[in-house]
Amino acid sequence: NAADVWYNIGHIAIAIGDLDIAEQCLRLALSIDTTHAA
C-alpha cells in the first residue's frame, strides 16, 4: 500500500500547485509499484 500513499501525497501536491514535489511522489510510487496506472 505504500505506492497508494505516495500517489495520494502527489495528488495533494498537484492540488496545491507544487508540481516538483508531486513528480517526486509519483516517481516514488512507481518505484514501489511499476504497474500503478494512476
PDB file of all heavy atoms in Angstrom:
ATOM      1  N   ASN A   1       0.796  -1.225   0.000  1.00  0.00           N
ATOM      2  CA  ASN A   1       0.000   0.000   0.000  1.00  0.00           C
ATOM      3  C   ASN A   1       0.829   1.277   0.000  1.00  0.00           C
ATOM      4  O   ASN A   1       0.259   2.366  -0.042  1.00  0.00           O
ATOM      5  CB  ASN A   1      -0.947   0.019   1.211  1.00  0.00           C
ATOM      6  CG  ASN A   1      -0.221  -0.302   2.515  1.00  0.00           C
ATOM      7  OD1 ASN A   1       0.955   0.002   2.664  1.00  0.00           O
ATOM      8  ND2 ASN A   1      -0.926  -0.914   3.440  1.00  0.00           N
ATOM      9  N   ALA A   2       2.162   1.172   0.037  1.00  0.00           N
ATOM     10  CA  ALA A   2       2.987   2.376   0.059  1.00  0.00           C
ATOM     11  C   ALA A   2       2.836   3.179  -1.230  1.00  0.00           C
ATOM     12  O   ALA A   2       2.876   4.423  -1.211  1.00  0.00           O
ATOM     13  CB  ALA A   2       4.458   2.002   0.287  1.00  0.00           C
ATOM     14  N   ALA A   3       2.657   2.491  -2.354  1.00  0.00           N
ATOM     15  CA  ALA A   3       2.502   3.197  -3.627  1.00  0.00           C
ATOM     16  C   ALA A   3       1.250   4.064  -3.619  1.00  0.00           C
ATOM     17  O   ALA A   3       1.270   5.210  -4.108  1.00  0.00           O
ATOM     18  CB  ALA A   3       2.453   2.197  -4.782  1.00  0.00           C
ATOM     19  N   ASP A   4       0.165   3.559  -3.047  1.00  0.00           N
ATOM     20  CA  ASP A   4      -1.065   4.352  -2.986  1.00  0.00           C
ATOM     21  C   ASP A   4      -0.888   5.575  -2.096  1.00  0.00           C
ATOM     22  O   ASP A   4      -1.432   6.649  -2.385  1.00  0.00           O
ATOM     23  CB  ASP A   4      -2.218   3.493  -2.466  1.00  0.00           C
ATOM     24  CG  ASP A   4      -2.662   2.449  -3.473  1.00  0.00           C
ATOM     25  OD1 ASP A   4      -2.556   2.720  -4.681  1.00  0.00           O
ATOM     26  OD2 ASP A   4      -3.087   1.362  -3.055  1.00  0.00           O
ATOM     27  N   VAL A   5      -0.143   5.423  -0.999  1.00  0.00           N
ATOM     28  CA  VAL A   5       0.074   6.562  -0.105  1.00  0.00           C
ATOM     29  C   VAL A   5       0.870   7.642  -0.815  1.00  0.00           C
ATOM     30  O   VAL A   5       0.518   8.838  -0.782  1.00  0.00           O
ATOM     31  CB  VAL A   5       0.781   6.106   1.189  1.00  0.00           C
ATOM     32  CG1 VAL A   5       1.069   7.304   2.088  1.00  0.00           C
ATOM     33  CG2 VAL A   5      -0.075   5.088   1.936  1.00  0.00           C
ATOM     34  N   TRP A   6       1.956   7.255  -1.500  1.00  0.00           N
ATOM     35  CA  TRP A   6       2.766   8.248  -2.212  1.00  0.00           C
ATOM     36  C   TRP A   6       1.976   8.881  -3.353  1.00  0.00           C
ATOM     37  O   TRP A   6       2.118  10.080  -3.634  1.00  0.00           O
ATOM     38  CB  TRP A   6       4.042   7.608  -2.756  1.00  0.00           C
ATOM     39  CG  TRP A   6       5.114   7.438  -1.734  1.00  0.00           C
ATOM     40  CD1 TRP A   6       5.620   6.275  -1.249  1.00  0.00           C
ATOM     41  CD2 TRP A   6       5.826   8.488  -1.064  1.00  0.00           C
ATOM     42  NE1 TRP A   6       6.586   6.517  -0.318  1.00  0.00           N
ATOM     43  CE2 TRP A   6       6.745   7.872  -0.188  1.00  0.00           C
ATOM     44  CE3 TRP A   6       5.766   9.876  -1.103  1.00  0.00           C
ATOM     45  CZ2 TRP A   6       7.595   8.609   0.638  1.00  0.00           C
ATOM     46  CZ3 TRP A   6       6.615  10.611  -0.282  1.00  0.00           C
ATOM     47  CH2 TRP A   6       7.522   9.979   0.563  1.00  0.00           C
ATOM     48  N   TYR A   7       1.125   8.102  -4.003  1.00  0.00           N
ATOM     49  CA  TYR A   7       0.298   8.662  -5.072  1.00  0.00           C
ATOM     50  C   TYR A   7      -0.637   9.735  -4.534  1.00  0.00           C
ATOM     51  O   TYR A   7      -0.792  10.807  -5.139  1.00  0.00           O
ATOM     52  CB  TYR A   7      -0.512   7.553  -5.744  1.00  0.00           C
ATOM     53  CG  TYR A   7      -1.646   8.078  -6.592  1.00  0.00           C
ATOM     54  CD1 TYR A   7      -1.405   8.638  -7.847  1.00  0.00           C
ATOM     55  CD2 TYR A   7      -2.962   8.050  -6.123  1.00  0.00           C
ATOM     56  CE1 TYR A   7      -2.437   9.138  -8.622  1.00  0.00           C
ATOM     57  CE2 TYR A   7      -4.004   8.549  -6.896  1.00  0.00           C
ATOM     58  CZ  TYR A   7      -3.735   9.091  -8.140  1.00  0.00           C
ATOM     59  OH  TYR A   7      -4.751   9.596  -8.895  1.00  0.00           O
ATOM     60  N   ASN A   8      -1.262   9.472  -3.384  1.00  0.00           N
ATOM     61  CA  ASN A   8      -2.176  10.454  -2.811  1.00  0.00           C
ATOM     62  C   ASN A   8      -1.447  11.698  -2.315  1.00  0.00           C
ATOM     63  O   ASN A   8      -1.977  12.812  -2.398  1.00  0.00           O
ATOM     64  CB  ASN A   8      -2.982   9.816  -1.679  1.00  0.00           C
ATOM     65  CG  ASN A   8      -4.070   8.887  -2.188  1.00  0.00           C
ATOM     66  OD1 ASN A   8      -4.972   9.306  -2.899  1.00  0.00           O
ATOM     67  ND2 ASN A   8      -3.965   7.606  -1.845  1.00  0.00           N
ATOM     68  N   ILE A   9      -0.223  11.522  -1.812  1.00  0.00           N
ATOM     69  CA  ILE A   9       0.573  12.699  -1.435  1.00  0.00           C
ATOM     70  C   ILE A   9       0.878  13.533  -2.677  1.00  0.00           C
ATOM     71  O   ILE A   9       0.811  14.770  -2.653  1.00  0.00           O
ATOM     72  CB  ILE A   9       1.863  12.263  -0.717  1.00  0.00           C
ATOM     73  CG1 ILE A   9       1.537  11.573   0.605  1.00  0.00           C
ATOM     74  CG2 ILE A   9       2.766  13.464  -0.467  1.00  0.00           C
ATOM     75  CD1 ILE A   9       2.735  10.994   1.307  1.00  0.00           C
ATOM     76  N   GLY A  10       1.215  12.851  -3.772  1.00  0.00           N
ATOM     77  CA  GLY A  10       1.433  13.569  -5.027  1.00  0.00           C
ATOM     78  C   GLY A  10       0.167  14.255  -5.516  1.00  0.00           C
ATOM     79  O   GLY A  10       0.221  15.360  -6.069  1.00  0.00           O
ATOM     80  N   HIS A  11      -0.981  13.627  -5.309  1.00  0.00           N
ATOM     81  CA  HIS A  11      -2.252  14.244  -5.698  1.00  0.00           C
ATOM     82  C   HIS A  11      -2.492  15.533  -4.899  1.00  0.00           C
ATOM     83  O   HIS A  11      -2.949  16.545  -5.450  1.00  0.00           O
ATOM     84  CB  HIS A  11      -3.382  13.257  -5.471  1.00  0.00           C
ATOM     85  CG  HIS A  11      -4.721  13.743  -5.906  1.00  0.00           C
ATOM     86  ND1 HIS A  11      -5.075  13.845  -7.230  1.00  0.00           N
ATOM     87  CD2 HIS A  11      -5.789  14.186  -5.189  1.00  0.00           C
ATOM     88  CE1 HIS A  11      -6.307  14.319  -7.325  1.00  0.00           C
ATOM     89  NE2 HIS A  11      -6.763  14.526  -6.097  1.00  0.00           N
ATOM     90  N   ILE A  12      -2.171  15.494  -3.603  1.00  0.00           N
ATOM     91  CA  ILE A  12      -2.309  16.693  -2.775  1.00  0.00           C
ATOM     92  C   ILE A  12      -1.348  17.777  -3.258  1.00  0.00           C
ATOM     93  O   ILE A  12      -1.696  18.972  -3.319  1.00  0.00           O
ATOM     94  CB  ILE A  12      -2.046  16.352  -1.296  1.00  0.00           C
ATOM     95  CG1 ILE A  12      -3.067  15.336  -0.790  1.00  0.00           C
ATOM     96  CG2 ILE A  12      -2.073  17.612  -0.439  1.00  0.00           C
ATOM     97  CD1 ILE A  12      -4.491  15.796  -0.804  1.00  0.00           C
ATOM     98  N   ALA A  13      -0.123  17.374  -3.631  1.00  0.00           N
ATOM     99  CA  ALA A  13       0.859  18.349  -4.118  1.00  0.00           C
ATOM    100  C   ALA A  13       0.385  19.000  -5.413  1.00  0.00           C
ATOM    101  O   ALA A  13       0.577  20.210  -5.628  1.00  0.00           O
ATOM    102  CB  ALA A  13       2.206  17.665  -4.318  1.00  0.00           C
ATOM    103  N   ILE A  14      -0.247  18.222  -6.290  1.00  0.00           N
ATOM    104  CA  ILE A  14      -0.802  18.806  -7.526  1.00  0.00           C
ATOM    105  C   ILE A  14      -1.907  19.795  -7.188  1.00  0.00           C
ATOM    106  O   ILE A  14      -2.014  20.878  -7.780  1.00  0.00           O
ATOM    107  CB  ILE A  14      -1.335  17.696  -8.445  1.00  0.00           C
ATOM    108  CG1 ILE A  14      -0.181  16.850  -8.976  1.00  0.00           C
ATOM    109  CG2 ILE A  14      -2.116  18.285  -9.615  1.00  0.00           C
ATOM    110  CD1 ILE A  14      -0.620  15.670  -9.806  1.00  0.00           C
ATOM    111  N   ALA A  15      -2.717  19.470  -6.198  1.00  0.00           N
ATOM    112  CA  ALA A  15      -3.840  20.347  -5.832  1.00  0.00           C
ATOM    113  C   ALA A  15      -3.354  21.688  -5.281  1.00  0.00           C
ATOM    114  O   ALA A  15      -4.011  22.715  -5.494  1.00  0.00           O
ATOM    115  CB  ALA A  15      -4.725  19.644  -4.807  1.00  0.00           C
ATOM    116  N   ILE A  16      -2.205  21.686  -4.604  1.00  0.00           N
ATOM    117  CA  ILE A  16      -1.693  22.959  -4.063  1.00  0.00           C
ATOM    118  C   ILE A  16      -0.730  23.631  -5.032  1.00  0.00           C
ATOM    119  O   ILE A  16      -0.216  24.712  -4.738  1.00  0.00           O
ATOM    120  CB  ILE A  16      -0.996  22.735  -2.702  1.00  0.00           C
ATOM    121  CG1 ILE A  16       0.243  21.848  -2.855  1.00  0.00           C
ATOM    122  CG2 ILE A  16      -1.966  22.137  -1.699  1.00  0.00           C
ATOM    123  CD1 ILE A  16       1.012  21.646  -1.551  1.00  0.00           C
ATOM    124  N   GLY A  17      -0.468  23.002  -6.184  1.00  0.00           N
ATOM    125  CA  GLY A  17       0.330  23.634  -7.230  1.00  0.00           C
ATOM    126  C   GLY A  17       1.816  23.374  -7.180  1.00  0.00           C
ATOM    127  O   GLY A  17       2.562  23.963  -7.971  1.00  0.00           O
ATOM    128  N   ASP A  18       2.293  22.498  -6.316  1.00  0.00           N
ATOM    129  CA  ASP A  18       3.728  22.199  -6.225  1.00  0.00           C
ATOM    130  C   ASP A  18       4.013  20.980  -7.107  1.00  0.00           C
ATOM    131  O   ASP A  18       4.010  19.831  -6.650  1.00  0.00           O
ATOM    132  CB  ASP A  18       4.125  21.930  -4.780  1.00  0.00           C
ATOM    133  CG  ASP A  18       5.632  21.983  -4.570  1.00  0.00           C
ATOM    134  OD1 ASP A  18       6.372  21.805  -5.562  1.00  0.00           O
ATOM    135  OD2 ASP A  18       6.064  22.226  -3.432  1.00  0.00           O
ATOM    136  N   LEU A  19       4.281  21.205  -8.390  1.00  0.00           N
ATOM    137  CA  LEU A  19       4.441  20.109  -9.339  1.00  0.00           C
ATOM    138  C   LEU A  19       5.746  19.353  -9.134  1.00  0.00           C
ATOM    139  O   LEU A  19       5.832  18.164  -9.469  1.00  0.00           O
ATOM    140  CB  LEU A  19       4.361  20.647 -10.772  1.00  0.00           C
ATOM    141  CG  LEU A  19       3.029  21.303 -11.158  1.00  0.00           C
ATOM    142  CD1 LEU A  19       3.057  21.718 -12.617  1.00  0.00           C
ATOM    143  CD2 LEU A  19       1.859  20.375 -10.891  1.00  0.00           C
ATOM    144  N   ASP A  20       6.781  20.024  -8.616  1.00  0.00           N
ATOM    145  CA  ASP A  20       8.063  19.335  -8.386  1.00  0.00           C
ATOM    146  C   ASP A  20       7.916  18.237  -7.334  1.00  0.00           C
ATOM    147  O   ASP A  20       8.365  17.106  -7.529  1.00  0.00           O
ATOM    148  CB  ASP A  20       9.126  20.347  -7.958  1.00  0.00           C
ATOM    149  CG  ASP A  20       9.487  21.305  -9.082  1.00  0.00           C
ATOM    150  OD1 ASP A  20       9.376  20.894 -10.252  1.00  0.00           O
ATOM    151  OD2 ASP A  20       9.858  22.459  -8.788  1.00  0.00           O
ATOM    152  N   ILE A  21       7.303  18.583  -6.205  1.00  0.00           N
ATOM    153  CA  ILE A  21       7.083  17.576  -5.165  1.00  0.00           C
ATOM    154  C   ILE A  21       6.124  16.498  -5.666  1.00  0.00           C
ATOM    155  O   ILE A  21       6.299  15.308  -5.377  1.00  0.00           O
ATOM    156  CB  ILE A  21       6.529  18.241  -3.887  1.00  0.00           C
ATOM    157  CG1 ILE A  21       7.603  19.141  -3.260  1.00  0.00           C
ATOM    158  CG2 ILE A  21       6.065  17.197  -2.885  1.00  0.00           C
ATOM    159  CD1 ILE A  21       7.174  19.824  -1.991  1.00  0.00           C
ATOM    160  N   ALA A  22       5.128  16.912  -6.447  1.00  0.00           N
ATOM    161  CA  ALA A  22       4.185  15.939  -6.983  1.00  0.00           C
ATOM    162  C   ALA A  22       4.892  14.922  -7.866  1.00  0.00           C
ATOM    163  O   ALA A  22       4.643  13.715  -7.771  1.00  0.00           O
ATOM    164  CB  ALA A  22       3.091  16.660  -7.771  1.00  0.00           C
ATOM    165  N   GLU A  23       5.804  15.391  -8.719  1.00  0.00           N
ATOM    166  CA  GLU A  23       6.539  14.474  -9.591  1.00  0.00           C
ATOM    167  C   GLU A  23       7.398  13.508  -8.784  1.00  0.00           C
ATOM    168  O   GLU A  23       7.461  12.304  -9.085  1.00  0.00           O
ATOM    169  CB  GLU A  23       7.405  15.271 -10.566  1.00  0.00           C
ATOM    170  CG  GLU A  23       8.154  14.389 -11.549  1.00  0.00           C
ATOM    171  CD  GLU A  23       9.025  15.189 -12.489  1.00  0.00           C
ATOM    172  OE1 GLU A  23       8.994  16.437 -12.417  1.00  0.00           O
ATOM    173  OE2 GLU A  23       9.750  14.573 -13.295  1.00  0.00           O
ATOM    174  N   GLN A  24       8.058  14.005  -7.763  1.00  0.00           N
ATOM    175  CA  GLN A  24       8.892  13.135  -6.923  1.00  0.00           C
ATOM    176  C   GLN A  24       8.044  12.062  -6.239  1.00  0.00           C
ATOM    177  O   GLN A  24       8.424  10.891  -6.184  1.00  0.00           O
ATOM    178  CB  GLN A  24       9.636  13.978  -5.891  1.00  0.00           C
ATOM    179  CG  GLN A  24      10.679  14.926  -6.479  1.00  0.00           C
ATOM    180  CD  GLN A  24      11.365  15.747  -5.416  1.00  0.00           C
ATOM    181  OE1 GLN A  24      11.234  15.463  -4.228  1.00  0.00           O
ATOM    182  NE2 GLN A  24      12.090  16.781  -5.829  1.00  0.00           N
ATOM    183  N   CYS A  25       6.869  12.460  -5.722  1.00  0.00           N
ATOM    184  CA  CYS A  25       5.999  11.495  -5.040  1.00  0.00           C
ATOM    185  C   CYS A  25       5.495  10.426  -6.010  1.00  0.00           C
ATOM    186  O   CYS A  25       5.449   9.233  -5.676  1.00  0.00           O
ATOM    187  CB  CYS A  25       4.822  12.216  -4.391  1.00  0.00           C
ATOM    188  SG  CYS A  25       5.279  13.312  -3.024  1.00  0.00           S
ATOM    189  N   LEU A  26       5.121  10.843  -7.216  1.00  0.00           N
ATOM    190  CA  LEU A  26       4.624   9.876  -8.194  1.00  0.00           C
ATOM    191  C   LEU A  26       5.719   8.916  -8.637  1.00  0.00           C
ATOM    192  O   LEU A  26       5.465   7.728  -8.851  1.00  0.00           O
ATOM    193  CB  LEU A  26       4.040  10.617  -9.389  1.00  0.00           C
ATOM    194  CG  LEU A  26       2.778  11.445  -9.112  1.00  0.00           C
ATOM    195  CD1 LEU A  26       2.392  12.264 -10.337  1.00  0.00           C
ATOM    196  CD2 LEU A  26       1.621  10.541  -8.697  1.00  0.00           C
ATOM    197  N   ARG A  27       6.935   9.424  -8.772  1.00  0.00           N
ATOM    198  CA  ARG A  27       8.041   8.532  -9.139  1.00  0.00           C
ATOM    199  C   ARG A  27       8.363   7.566  -7.998  1.00  0.00           C
ATOM    200  O   ARG A  27       8.755   6.417  -8.245  1.00  0.00           O
ATOM    201  CB  ARG A  27       9.267   9.350  -9.528  1.00  0.00           C
ATOM    202  CG  ARG A  27       9.073  10.145 -10.821  1.00  0.00           C
ATOM    203  CD  ARG A  27      10.367  10.760 -11.316  1.00  0.00           C
ATOM    204  NE  ARG A  27      10.137  11.555 -12.509  1.00  0.00           N
ATOM    205  CZ  ARG A  27      10.028  11.073 -13.745  1.00  0.00           C
ATOM    206  NH1 ARG A  27      10.117   9.765 -13.940  1.00  0.00           N
ATOM    207  NH2 ARG A  27       9.819  11.864 -14.778  1.00  0.00           N
ATOM    208  N   LEU A  28       8.216   8.013  -6.761  1.00  0.00           N
ATOM    209  CA  LEU A  28       8.392   7.103  -5.628  1.00  0.00           C
ATOM    210  C   LEU A  28       7.320   6.011  -5.649  1.00  0.00           C
ATOM    211  O   LEU A  28       7.608   4.837  -5.373  1.00  0.00           O
ATOM    212  CB  LEU A  28       8.321   7.885  -4.312  1.00  0.00           C
ATOM    213  CG  LEU A  28       9.575   8.651  -3.902  1.00  0.00           C
ATOM    214  CD1 LEU A  28       9.285   9.543  -2.696  1.00  0.00           C
ATOM    215  CD2 LEU A  28      10.702   7.685  -3.572  1.00  0.00           C
ATOM    216  N   ALA A  29       6.097   6.390  -5.990  1.00  0.00           N
ATOM    217  CA  ALA A  29       5.029   5.396  -6.085  1.00  0.00           C
ATOM    218  C   ALA A  29       5.333   4.360  -7.163  1.00  0.00           C
ATOM    219  O   ALA A  29       5.129   3.154  -6.962  1.00  0.00           O
ATOM    220  CB  ALA A  29       3.693   6.088  -6.369  1.00  0.00           C
ATOM    221  N   LEU A  30       5.862   4.831  -8.301  1.00  0.00           N
ATOM    222  CA  LEU A  30       6.192   3.899  -9.387  1.00  0.00           C
ATOM    223  C   LEU A  30       7.412   3.050  -9.057  1.00  0.00           C
ATOM    224  O   LEU A  30       7.545   1.934  -9.558  1.00  0.00           O
ATOM    225  CB  LEU A  30       6.430   4.688 -10.685  1.00  0.00           C
ATOM    226  CG  LEU A  30       5.172   5.322 -11.291  1.00  0.00           C
ATOM    227  CD1 LEU A  30       5.547   6.199 -12.478  1.00  0.00           C
ATOM    228  CD2 LEU A  30       4.181   4.253 -11.715  1.00  0.00           C
ATOM    229  N   SER A  31       8.315   3.566  -8.233  1.00  0.00           N
ATOM    230  CA  SER A  31       9.470   2.755  -7.826  1.00  0.00           C
ATOM    231  C   SER A  31       9.039   1.593  -6.930  1.00  0.00           C
ATOM    232  O   SER A  31       9.702   0.559  -6.878  1.00  0.00           O
ATOM    233  CB  SER A  31      10.491   3.623  -7.096  1.00  0.00           C
ATOM    234  OG  SER A  31       9.979   4.075  -5.842  1.00  0.00           O
ATOM    235  N   ILE A  32       7.915   1.767  -6.239  1.00  0.00           N
ATOM    236  CA  ILE A  32       7.392   0.699  -5.385  1.00  0.00           C
ATOM    237  C   ILE A  32       6.508  -0.254  -6.175  1.00  0.00           C
ATOM    238  O   ILE A  32       6.592  -1.472  -6.033  1.00  0.00           O
ATOM    239  CB  ILE A  32       6.608   1.316  -4.201  1.00  0.00           C
ATOM    240  CG1 ILE A  32       7.534   2.169  -3.355  1.00  0.00           C
ATOM    241  CG2 ILE A  32       5.967   0.220  -3.352  1.00  0.00           C
ATOM    242  CD1 ILE A  32       6.822   2.984  -2.296  1.00  0.00           C
ATOM    243  N   ASP A  33       5.644   0.307  -7.023  1.00  0.00           N
ATOM    244  CA  ASP A  33       4.724  -0.482  -7.829  1.00  0.00           C
ATOM    245  C   ASP A  33       4.792   0.022  -9.263  1.00  0.00           C
ATOM    246  O   ASP A  33       4.240   1.077  -9.587  1.00  0.00           O
ATOM    247  CB  ASP A  33       3.302  -0.367  -7.285  1.00  0.00           C
ATOM    248  CG  ASP A  33       2.313  -1.228  -8.060  1.00  0.00           C
ATOM    249  OD1 ASP A  33       2.761  -1.977  -8.961  1.00  0.00           O
ATOM    250  OD2 ASP A  33       1.109  -1.161  -7.772  1.00  0.00           O
ATOM    251  N   THR A  34       5.481  -0.715 -10.115  1.00  0.00           N
ATOM    252  CA  THR A  34       5.669  -0.269 -11.503  1.00  0.00           C
ATOM    253  C   THR A  34       4.410  -0.402 -12.338  1.00  0.00           C
ATOM    254  O   THR A  34       4.413  -0.036 -13.515  1.00  0.00           O
ATOM    255  CB  THR A  34       6.792  -1.086 -12.164  1.00  0.00           C
ATOM    256  OG1 THR A  34       6.457  -2.479 -12.097  1.00  0.00           O
ATOM    257  CG2 THR A  34       8.114  -0.834 -11.471  1.00  0.00           C
ATOM    258  N   THR A  35       3.338  -0.911 -11.780  1.00  0.00           N
ATOM    259  CA  THR A  35       2.076  -1.063 -12.513  1.00  0.00           C
ATOM    260  C   THR A  35       0.997  -0.145 -11.952  1.00  0.00           C
ATOM    261  O   THR A  35      -0.201  -0.438 -12.079  1.00  0.00           O
ATOM    262  CB  THR A  35       1.596  -2.519 -12.448  1.00  0.00           C
ATOM    263  OG1 THR A  35       1.376  -2.890 -11.087  1.00  0.00           O
ATOM    264  CG2 THR A  35       2.617  -3.456 -13.075  1.00  0.00           C
ATOM    265  N   HIS A  36       1.393   0.948 -11.341  1.00  0.00           N
ATOM    266  CA  HIS A  36       0.431   1.877 -10.758  1.00  0.00           C
ATOM    267  C   HIS A  36      -0.041   2.825 -11.851  1.00  0.00           C
ATOM    268  O   HIS A  36       0.596   3.832 -12.160  1.00  0.00           O
ATOM    269  CB  HIS A  36       1.075   2.634  -9.597  1.00  0.00           C
ATOM    270  CG  HIS A  36       0.088   3.167  -8.607  1.00  0.00           C
ATOM    271  ND1 HIS A  36      -0.506   4.395  -8.737  1.00  0.00           N
ATOM    272  CD2 HIS A  36      -0.436   2.620  -7.491  1.00  0.00           C
ATOM    273  CE1 HIS A  36      -1.334   4.600  -7.735  1.00  0.00           C
ATOM    274  NE2 HIS A  36      -1.313   3.531  -6.957  1.00  0.00           N
ATOM    275  N   ALA A  37      -1.173   2.504 -12.468  1.00  0.00           N
ATOM    276  CA  ALA A  37      -1.651   3.241 -13.643  1.00  0.00           C
ATOM    277  C   ALA A  37      -1.964   4.697 -13.322  1.00  0.00           C
ATOM    278  O   ALA A  37      -1.698   5.593 -14.132  1.00  0.00           O
ATOM    279  CB  ALA A  37      -2.887   2.549 -14.211  1.00  0.00           C
ATOM    280  N   ALA A  38      -2.552   4.961 -12.144  1.00  0.00           N
ATOM    281  CA  ALA A  38      -2.916   6.337 -11.806  1.00  0.00           C
ATOM    282  C   ALA A  38      -1.692   7.233 -11.706  1.00  0.00           C
ATOM    283  O   ALA A  38      -1.741   8.419 -12.065  1.00  0.00           O
ATOM    284  CB  ALA A  38      -3.702   6.353 -10.496  1.00  0.00           C
TER     285      ALA A  38
END
